[in-house]
Protein backbone atom coordinates (compact mmCIF):
# COMPACT_ATOMS: atom_id res chain seq x y z
CA MET A 1 -148.08 -61.55 -167.31
CA VAL A 2 -144.30 -62.33 -167.28
CA ARG A 3 -143.34 -65.94 -166.52
CA PRO A 4 -140.07 -67.42 -165.47
CA GLY A 5 -137.47 -67.68 -168.25
CA GLN A 6 -139.18 -65.04 -170.52
CA ASP A 7 -137.03 -62.51 -172.29
CA ILE A 8 -138.17 -59.23 -170.92
CA ALA A 9 -135.77 -57.20 -173.19
CA ALA A 10 -137.61 -58.82 -176.21
CA LEU A 11 -141.01 -58.07 -174.59
CA ILE A 12 -140.18 -54.46 -173.88
CA GLY A 13 -138.67 -54.02 -177.33
CA ASP A 14 -141.66 -55.56 -179.03
CA ALA A 15 -143.97 -53.25 -176.91
CA MET A 16 -141.97 -50.11 -177.90
CA VAL A 17 -142.32 -51.06 -181.57
CA GLN A 18 -146.05 -51.77 -181.33
CA SER A 19 -146.88 -48.55 -179.44
CA GLY A 20 -144.70 -46.37 -181.64
CA ARG A 21 -142.57 -45.34 -178.60
CA TRP A 22 -139.16 -45.99 -180.03
CA PRO A 23 -136.44 -45.27 -177.66
CA ARG A 24 -133.98 -42.37 -178.23
CA THR A 25 -130.50 -41.82 -176.93
CA GLY A 26 -130.87 -40.32 -173.31
CA ASP A 27 -134.19 -41.96 -172.51
CA VAL A 28 -134.51 -43.91 -169.31
CA VAL A 29 -136.53 -47.10 -169.36
CA VAL A 30 -137.89 -47.87 -165.93
CA VAL A 31 -138.92 -51.46 -165.25
CA ALA A 32 -140.85 -52.77 -162.28
CA GLN A 33 -138.84 -55.12 -160.02
CA LYS A 34 -141.61 -57.73 -160.35
CA ILE A 35 -141.28 -58.50 -163.94
CA VAL A 36 -137.57 -58.66 -163.55
CA SER A 37 -137.87 -61.02 -160.64
CA LYS A 38 -140.49 -63.18 -162.30
CA ALA A 39 -138.34 -63.44 -165.61
CA GLU A 40 -135.46 -64.39 -163.49
CA GLY A 41 -137.28 -67.16 -161.74
CA ARG A 42 -137.09 -65.46 -158.27
CA CYS A 43 -140.30 -67.21 -157.12
CA VAL A 44 -140.55 -69.61 -154.11
CA ASP A 45 -143.41 -72.01 -153.52
CA LEU A 46 -144.17 -71.81 -149.78
CA ALA A 47 -145.17 -75.47 -149.86
CA THR A 48 -141.48 -76.34 -150.31
CA VAL A 49 -140.34 -74.22 -147.35
CA THR A 50 -139.69 -75.86 -143.91
CA PRO A 51 -139.64 -73.11 -141.25
CA SER A 52 -136.77 -73.23 -138.75
CA ARG A 53 -137.26 -72.79 -135.02
CA ARG A 54 -136.35 -69.12 -135.30
CA ALA A 55 -139.06 -68.61 -138.08
CA LEU A 56 -141.61 -70.43 -135.93
CA GLU A 57 -141.00 -68.23 -132.93
CA MET A 58 -141.08 -65.06 -134.95
CA ALA A 59 -144.16 -66.11 -136.83
CA ALA A 60 -145.99 -66.64 -133.57
CA GLU A 61 -144.85 -63.28 -132.30
CA ILE A 62 -145.86 -61.27 -135.53
CA GLY A 63 -148.76 -63.24 -136.78
CA LYS A 64 -147.34 -64.24 -140.17
CA ASP A 65 -147.08 -67.51 -141.96
CA ALA A 66 -143.89 -69.21 -140.58
CA ARG A 67 -142.96 -70.34 -143.96
CA LEU A 68 -143.04 -66.76 -145.26
CA VAL A 69 -140.94 -65.77 -142.35
CA GLU A 70 -138.39 -68.45 -143.02
CA VAL A 71 -138.08 -66.96 -146.70
CA ILE A 72 -137.66 -63.44 -145.27
CA LEU A 73 -134.95 -64.59 -142.89
CA GLY A 74 -133.15 -66.30 -145.80
CA GLU A 75 -133.13 -62.99 -147.78
CA SER A 76 -132.00 -60.93 -144.77
CA VAL A 77 -128.76 -60.15 -143.04
CA ARG A 78 -130.42 -58.61 -140.03
CA ILE A 79 -134.03 -58.00 -138.75
CA VAL A 80 -134.16 -54.26 -137.83
CA ARG A 81 -137.63 -54.00 -136.25
CA ARG A 82 -140.75 -56.20 -135.87
CA ARG A 83 -144.20 -55.94 -134.49
CA PRO A 84 -147.50 -57.92 -135.26
CA GLY A 85 -148.07 -57.80 -139.04
CA LEU A 86 -144.74 -56.10 -139.84
CA VAL A 87 -141.03 -57.12 -140.36
CA ILE A 88 -138.47 -54.54 -141.35
CA ALA A 89 -135.23 -56.17 -142.43
CA GLU A 90 -131.84 -55.43 -143.93
CA HIS A 91 -131.73 -57.30 -147.21
CA ARG A 92 -128.45 -58.90 -148.20
CA LEU A 93 -128.04 -56.16 -150.77
CA GLY A 94 -128.16 -53.59 -148.14
CA PHE A 95 -131.78 -52.26 -148.54
CA VAL A 96 -133.64 -51.71 -145.41
CA MET A 97 -137.26 -52.59 -146.28
CA ALA A 98 -140.36 -54.45 -145.32
CA ASN A 99 -140.07 -58.28 -145.39
CA ALA A 100 -136.75 -58.01 -147.04
CA GLY A 101 -138.52 -57.41 -150.31
CA VAL A 102 -140.34 -60.76 -150.24
CA ASP A 103 -143.80 -59.97 -151.80
CA GLN A 104 -147.05 -61.78 -152.59
CA SER A 105 -148.85 -58.80 -154.36
CA ASN A 106 -149.34 -59.21 -158.10
CA VAL A 107 -147.97 -62.76 -158.04
CA ALA A 108 -150.49 -65.06 -159.70
CA PRO A 109 -150.67 -68.46 -158.29
CA ALA A 110 -149.55 -71.05 -160.91
CA ASP A 111 -150.85 -74.71 -160.82
CA GLY A 112 -152.09 -74.41 -157.26
CA THR A 113 -148.79 -73.33 -155.80
CA ASP A 114 -148.60 -70.53 -153.24
CA CYS A 115 -145.55 -68.49 -154.46
CA VAL A 116 -143.81 -65.52 -153.10
CA LEU A 117 -141.46 -63.20 -155.06
CA LEU A 118 -137.82 -62.30 -154.18
CA LEU A 119 -135.77 -59.29 -155.33
CA PRO A 120 -133.52 -60.01 -158.22
CA ARG A 121 -130.12 -61.41 -157.13
CA ASP A 122 -128.28 -58.53 -158.76
CA PRO A 123 -130.65 -55.72 -159.72
CA ASP A 124 -127.72 -53.53 -161.00
CA GLY A 125 -126.55 -56.44 -163.21
CA SER A 126 -130.16 -56.96 -164.43
CA ALA A 127 -130.35 -53.34 -165.53
CA LYS A 128 -127.01 -53.46 -167.24
CA ALA A 129 -128.03 -56.49 -169.22
CA LEU A 130 -131.48 -55.04 -170.28
CA ARG A 131 -129.65 -51.88 -171.28
CA ALA A 132 -127.20 -53.85 -173.44
CA ARG A 133 -130.11 -55.75 -175.16
CA LEU A 134 -132.05 -52.61 -175.91
CA ALA A 135 -128.95 -50.88 -177.31
CA ASP A 136 -128.40 -53.78 -179.59
CA ARG A 137 -131.91 -53.81 -180.91
CA PHE A 138 -132.37 -50.13 -181.43
CA GLY A 139 -128.92 -48.76 -181.81
CA VAL A 140 -129.50 -46.09 -179.08
CA GLU A 141 -128.00 -45.59 -175.60
CA VAL A 142 -130.73 -45.65 -173.07
CA ALA A 143 -130.58 -45.94 -169.25
CA VAL A 144 -132.42 -48.46 -167.35
CA VAL A 145 -133.70 -48.22 -163.73
CA VAL A 146 -135.21 -51.17 -161.92
CA ASN A 147 -138.04 -49.76 -159.69
CA ASP A 148 -139.52 -51.03 -156.45
CA SER A 149 -141.86 -49.60 -153.87
CA PHE A 150 -140.46 -48.74 -150.49
CA GLY A 151 -141.96 -47.28 -147.37
CA ARG A 152 -140.07 -44.60 -145.42
CA ALA A 153 -139.25 -44.35 -141.81
CA TRP A 154 -140.70 -40.96 -140.99
CA ARG A 155 -143.53 -40.59 -143.60
CA GLN A 156 -146.71 -42.51 -144.50
CA GLY A 157 -147.04 -44.13 -147.94
CA THR A 158 -144.80 -45.89 -150.39
CA VAL A 159 -142.75 -44.33 -153.16
CA GLY A 160 -140.78 -45.79 -156.08
CA VAL A 161 -137.03 -46.18 -155.62
CA ALA A 162 -134.25 -47.48 -157.80
CA ILE A 163 -132.89 -50.85 -156.67
CA GLY A 164 -131.02 -51.33 -159.89
CA ALA A 165 -129.61 -48.92 -162.52
CA ALA A 166 -127.31 -48.71 -165.54
CA GLY A 167 -126.27 -45.88 -167.82
CA LEU A 168 -127.04 -43.07 -165.49
CA PRO A 169 -125.82 -41.49 -162.15
CA SER A 170 -127.86 -43.07 -159.43
CA LEU A 171 -126.12 -40.77 -156.97
CA ILE A 172 -125.03 -37.31 -157.91
CA ASP A 173 -122.50 -35.49 -155.59
CA LEU A 174 -123.44 -31.74 -155.56
CA ARG A 175 -120.90 -30.91 -152.86
CA GLY A 176 -118.77 -27.96 -153.74
CA ARG A 177 -121.18 -26.46 -156.16
CA PRO A 178 -122.67 -23.01 -155.32
CA ASP A 179 -126.36 -22.56 -154.45
CA LEU A 180 -128.45 -19.71 -155.99
CA PHE A 181 -126.68 -17.10 -153.73
CA GLY A 182 -123.02 -18.46 -154.01
CA ARG A 183 -123.07 -20.43 -150.78
CA VAL A 184 -121.05 -23.66 -151.38
CA LEU A 185 -122.99 -26.95 -150.91
CA GLU A 186 -121.37 -28.93 -148.21
CA THR A 187 -123.64 -32.02 -147.68
CA SER A 188 -125.95 -32.24 -150.85
CA LEU A 189 -126.14 -35.64 -152.53
CA LEU A 190 -128.90 -36.11 -155.18
CA GLY A 191 -130.78 -39.48 -155.33
CA PHE A 192 -131.17 -39.02 -159.07
CA ALA A 193 -132.21 -42.53 -159.99
CA ASP A 194 -134.73 -42.60 -157.02
CA GLU A 195 -136.26 -39.39 -158.35
CA ILE A 196 -136.79 -40.90 -161.70
CA ALA A 197 -138.13 -44.11 -160.24
CA ALA A 198 -140.63 -42.05 -158.13
CA ALA A 199 -141.78 -40.12 -161.18
CA ALA A 200 -142.22 -43.40 -163.12
CA SER A 201 -144.37 -44.86 -160.34
CA LEU A 202 -147.02 -42.23 -160.88
CA VAL A 203 -147.64 -43.91 -164.20
CA MET A 204 -146.93 -47.52 -163.24
CA GLY A 205 -149.28 -47.33 -160.25
CA GLN A 206 -149.27 -49.74 -157.28
CA ALA A 207 -152.28 -51.92 -157.80
CA ASP A 208 -154.03 -53.49 -160.95
CA GLU A 209 -152.61 -50.91 -163.56
CA ALA A 210 -150.57 -53.51 -165.31
CA CYS A 211 -147.97 -51.00 -166.51
CA PRO A 212 -144.69 -52.45 -165.55
CA VAL A 213 -142.50 -50.32 -167.95
CA VAL A 214 -142.36 -46.58 -168.30
CA LEU A 215 -140.25 -44.69 -170.91
CA VAL A 216 -138.88 -41.42 -169.32
CA ARG A 217 -137.83 -38.79 -171.80
CA GLY A 218 -136.20 -35.35 -171.14
CA ALA A 219 -134.20 -36.14 -168.00
CA GLU A 220 -130.68 -34.65 -168.31
CA TRP A 221 -127.53 -35.31 -166.50
CA SER A 222 -123.83 -34.64 -166.76
CA ALA A 223 -122.35 -36.69 -163.81
CA PRO A 224 -120.83 -40.06 -164.57
CA ALA A 225 -122.88 -43.15 -164.34
CA ASN A 226 -122.94 -45.14 -161.08
CA PRO A 227 -125.22 -48.08 -159.94
CA ALA A 228 -128.10 -48.13 -157.54
CA ALA A 229 -125.86 -49.76 -154.99
CA ALA A 230 -124.25 -46.30 -154.55
CA LEU A 231 -127.62 -45.17 -152.96
CA VAL A 232 -127.29 -47.60 -149.96
CA ARG A 233 -126.02 -45.51 -147.05
CA PRO A 234 -123.00 -47.21 -145.49
CA ALA A 235 -123.76 -48.58 -141.95
CA ALA A 236 -120.94 -46.43 -140.44
CA GLU A 237 -122.86 -43.36 -141.64
CA ASP A 238 -126.34 -44.44 -140.65
CA LEU A 239 -127.36 -43.01 -137.33
CA PHE A 240 -130.66 -44.99 -137.14
CA ARG A 241 -129.70 -48.59 -137.71
C-alpha cells in the first residue's frame, strides 16, 4: 500500500529485483495512476472541504456528497454532462471523464479520515521522472506509461488508457502510409500508449488484484516519442463536446 511521500521508483525497482524481472531496453513499465497519485500526496480529506453554493445545488440534483462535488468542480474546467449518480467533466488536463478523475476506490481510510484521490498534477512529468530513476538504477532505457481506467461514450465498460507517458510515442501518425492494398491512409492515428495501457489492465485488474505495476516486453515502435497529452483531441476537432 503506497503512502504519501513514498518513493515509487525505489519500490518498483526493488520489486523488479525481488521478482527476477529485471528491465531491458525497450520494455514499457505501466504504472497505475493510483499509486502515482498516492505517492504524490494527491489525497483530499473530505472533512476539510466546504461545499460552495454551486456544489450544494449540483449535489442535490445528482445525489452525491456535496463535499465530493466541490472537489470535482475544483479539478474541472467544465461539466460536460450530469444525471443522478453521474458527473462527466472535462479535467483541467483535457481528459473528459467521470468525476474529473476524483476517485474513492482502493483508497484506504487513514486515521479516520474520509479521503478521495485526485489525478497527478502532471502525469507526463511523473512518467518522465520515473523513467529517469529506473534508467539510473538499471542502466537501461525503458518507457513508462501511467495508466487509468476510463469509460467510453458509446460502449459499456471501462478500459485502461494512458494519462501519462515518457519514452514512447503515445500517438503515432500513420497518415500517408499505404494499407495492405496500396491505398494511402488519410486519417489513421494510432493511440499507441492507450493500446499498451489497455493490455496492461488485463494483468492489473480493476478490483482487489493489488497489481499496480506491469512490465510489458516485446512492444516495438519506430515513431518519435511524444507525451500522453498528445492523445487529447483538441476542442476544435471534437464534434461531441
